[in-house]
Amino acid sequence: MSKNTNDIQLKIANRKPVQVSFEELIEHLPQPPKGWIAEKFQGETIFLGNYSISQVSQIYTQQSKQITIRIFDWAFNSALYTPFLMTTDFSQESTEGYNKSIKIDNISGKEYTYSSKRSLNLLVYNKFFVQIEAIKIEKTELREWWQLVDYKSLIKLNNN
């Protein structure tokens, strides 16, 4: 396991996770920028024994361009975040595109580009998994959508 993963496990070992309901997460989906249309959002909270996961998503369109933003509350469930963090040490490049490790605003993640599809996946506070999937979007536009996600307010959700 990477040093990053071990550090995270030590930080959260004594912390009791606060589950955020999908109703609260919906408020953290970004408003569509000018010229974009937001479809109806979707959300759910799933309970399995002592574990629960909340997730929300929304699709945004502008002509042939499409963005899907998903926010998951993994509630510090190590079975979910550890495999993702392990992949942040992996990169691949081919004639078809790439899959590389990234860090934005000191947040670990992955960026994928294949053909006309792009994806940005970041793990905020080792609890909230934010996924931005795009069709017919440039790399710079994908990063601009990340800036629309108020990830700092997600961090505050766990501190309430």
Protein backbone atom coordinates (compact mmCIF):
# COMPACT_ATOMS: atom_id res chain seq x y z
CA MET A 1 0.00 0.00 0.00
CA SER A 2 1.18 3.53 -0.73
CA LYS A 3 2.31 5.98 1.93
CA ASN A 4 -0.71 8.14 1.04
CA THR A 5 -3.11 5.27 1.83
CA ASN A 6 -1.38 4.46 5.13
CA ASP A 7 -1.47 8.12 6.21
CA ILE A 8 -5.18 8.31 5.46
CA GLN A 9 -5.95 5.16 7.43
CA LEU A 10 -4.10 6.54 10.45
CA LYS A 11 -5.98 9.85 10.26
CA ILE A 12 -9.41 8.27 10.23
CA ALA A 13 -8.85 5.25 12.45
CA ASN A 14 -10.32 6.96 15.53
CA ARG A 15 -12.88 9.09 13.71
CA LYS A 16 -16.54 8.08 13.70
CA PRO A 17 -17.91 8.75 10.22
CA VAL A 18 -20.94 10.95 9.86
CA GLN A 19 -23.13 9.70 7.02
CA VAL A 20 -24.45 12.45 4.76
CA SER A 21 -27.85 11.78 3.22
CA PHE A 22 -28.35 12.13 -0.51
CA GLU A 23 -30.68 15.09 0.16
CA GLU A 24 -27.72 17.00 1.63
CA LEU A 25 -25.39 15.96 -1.17
CA ILE A 26 -27.79 17.24 -3.84
CA GLU A 27 -27.13 20.77 -2.62
CA HIS A 28 -23.47 20.31 -3.58
CA LEU A 29 -24.09 19.58 -7.25
CA PRO A 30 -23.04 22.66 -9.22
CA GLN A 31 -25.41 25.01 -10.97
CA PRO A 32 -25.07 24.82 -14.76
CA PRO A 33 -22.84 27.46 -16.32
CA LYS A 34 -24.37 29.86 -18.83
CA GLY A 35 -25.42 28.00 -21.99
CA TRP A 36 -25.66 24.62 -20.26
CA ILE A 37 -28.84 22.75 -19.32
CA ALA A 38 -29.05 20.64 -16.17
CA GLU A 39 -31.27 17.57 -16.26
CA LYS A 40 -33.11 16.39 -13.15
CA PHE A 41 -30.72 15.20 -10.45
CA GLN A 42 -30.81 11.71 -9.00
CA GLY A 43 -29.84 10.51 -5.54
CA GLU A 44 -30.03 7.63 -3.11
CA THR A 45 -28.70 6.33 0.18
CA ILE A 46 -27.99 2.62 0.46
CA PHE A 47 -27.74 0.77 3.78
CA LEU A 48 -25.97 -2.56 4.16
CA GLY A 49 -25.46 -3.71 7.73
CA ASN A 50 -23.31 -1.12 9.51
CA TYR A 51 -22.38 0.58 6.25
CA SER A 52 -24.17 3.15 4.16
CA ILE A 53 -23.33 5.01 0.98
CA SER A 54 -25.04 8.10 -0.36
CA GLN A 55 -24.73 9.22 -3.95
CA VAL A 56 -26.10 11.93 -6.20
CA SER A 57 -25.68 12.66 -9.89
CA GLN A 58 -26.71 15.16 -12.50
CA ILE A 59 -26.25 15.40 -16.26
CA TYR A 60 -25.49 18.73 -17.93
CA THR A 61 -25.71 19.27 -21.71
CA GLN A 62 -24.75 21.90 -24.23
CA GLN A 63 -25.45 20.86 -27.82
CA SER A 64 -23.33 17.71 -28.38
CA LYS A 65 -21.33 18.17 -25.17
CA GLN A 66 -22.30 16.27 -22.03
CA ILE A 67 -21.04 16.28 -18.44
CA THR A 68 -22.14 13.89 -15.71
CA ILE A 69 -21.19 14.76 -12.14
CA ARG A 70 -21.52 12.19 -9.38
CA ILE A 71 -20.78 12.72 -5.71
CA PHE A 72 -20.55 9.70 -3.39
CA ASP A 73 -20.26 9.73 0.38
CA TRP A 74 -18.18 6.66 1.13
CA ALA A 75 -18.29 7.40 4.89
CA PHE A 76 -14.63 6.48 5.39
CA ASN A 77 -15.36 2.89 4.32
CA SER A 78 -11.86 1.54 3.69
CA ALA A 79 -13.21 -1.22 1.42
CA LEU A 80 -14.17 1.57 -1.00
CA TYR A 81 -11.48 4.23 -0.71
CA THR A 82 -8.37 2.03 -0.35
CA PRO A 83 -8.61 0.40 -3.81
CA PHE A 84 -9.17 3.82 -5.39
CA LEU A 85 -6.18 5.35 -3.58
CA MET A 86 -4.03 2.43 -4.67
CA THR A 87 -4.86 3.23 -8.31
CA THR A 88 -3.62 6.79 -7.83
CA ASP A 89 -0.09 5.36 -7.98
CA PHE A 90 -0.79 3.88 -11.44
CA SER A 91 -0.57 5.55 -14.85
CA GLN A 92 -0.95 4.27 -18.40
CA GLU A 93 -0.59 5.85 -21.82
CA SER A 94 -1.48 4.37 -25.21
CA THR A 95 -2.40 5.33 -28.75
CA GLU A 96 -6.04 5.43 -27.59
CA GLY A 97 -5.57 7.79 -24.64
CA TYR A 98 -4.31 7.84 -21.09
CA ASN A 99 -5.12 7.03 -17.50
CA LYS A 100 -2.96 9.01 -15.10
CA SER A 101 -2.59 9.97 -11.48
CA ILE A 102 -3.28 13.60 -10.66
CA LYS A 103 -3.39 15.93 -7.72
CA ILE A 104 -5.61 19.00 -7.81
CA ASP A 105 -5.73 21.33 -4.83
CA ASN A 106 -3.80 18.64 -2.93
CA ILE A 107 -6.57 16.10 -3.62
CA SER A 108 -5.53 12.73 -5.08
CA GLY A 109 -7.28 11.44 -8.12
CA LYS A 110 -7.27 9.95 -11.60
CA GLU A 111 -7.79 11.44 -15.03
CA TYR A 112 -8.84 9.35 -18.03
CA THR A 113 -8.98 10.34 -21.67
CA TYR A 114 -10.02 7.94 -24.40
CA SER A 115 -11.36 9.11 -27.75
CA SER A 116 -14.02 11.78 -27.10
CA LYS A 117 -14.57 10.68 -23.49
CA ARG A 118 -12.85 12.14 -20.46
CA SER A 119 -13.15 11.51 -16.75
CA LEU A 120 -11.85 13.19 -13.62
CA ASN A 121 -12.12 11.26 -10.33
CA LEU A 122 -11.06 12.80 -7.03
CA LEU A 123 -11.34 11.64 -3.43
CA VAL A 124 -12.15 14.62 -1.19
CA TYR A 125 -11.22 14.28 2.47
CA ASN A 126 -10.96 10.51 1.93
CA LYS A 127 -14.73 10.38 2.21
CA PHE A 128 -16.36 12.04 -0.80
CA PHE A 129 -15.65 10.54 -4.20
CA VAL A 130 -16.32 13.10 -6.95
CA GLN A 131 -16.55 11.80 -10.51
CA ILE A 132 -16.87 14.06 -13.54
CA GLU A 133 -17.43 12.23 -16.83
CA ALA A 134 -17.46 14.12 -20.10
CA ILE A 135 -18.22 13.57 -23.75
CA LYS A 136 -16.80 15.93 -26.38
CA ILE A 137 -15.14 18.14 -23.77
CA GLU A 138 -11.59 19.50 -23.83
CA LYS A 139 -9.22 18.82 -20.93
CA THR A 140 -9.33 22.44 -19.80
CA GLU A 141 -13.14 22.38 -19.74
CA LEU A 142 -13.09 19.27 -17.55
CA ARG A 143 -10.91 21.09 -15.01
CA GLU A 144 -13.27 24.09 -15.17
CA TRP A 145 -16.14 21.80 -14.16
CA TRP A 146 -14.08 20.59 -11.20
CA GLN A 147 -13.79 24.24 -10.12
CA LEU A 148 -17.62 24.44 -10.11
CA VAL A 149 -17.80 21.65 -7.50
CA ASP A 150 -17.62 23.25 -4.08
CA TYR A 151 -15.44 20.55 -2.55
CA LYS A 152 -14.58 22.71 0.46
CA SER A 153 -18.23 22.67 1.52
CA LEU A 154 -18.15 18.85 1.33
CA ILE A 155 -15.35 18.81 3.87
CA LYS A 156 -17.44 20.98 6.19
CA LEU A 157 -20.32 18.47 5.98
CA ASN A 158 -18.30 15.95 7.94
CA ASN A 159 -17.37 18.45 10.62
CA ASN A 160 -20.96 19.30 11.58
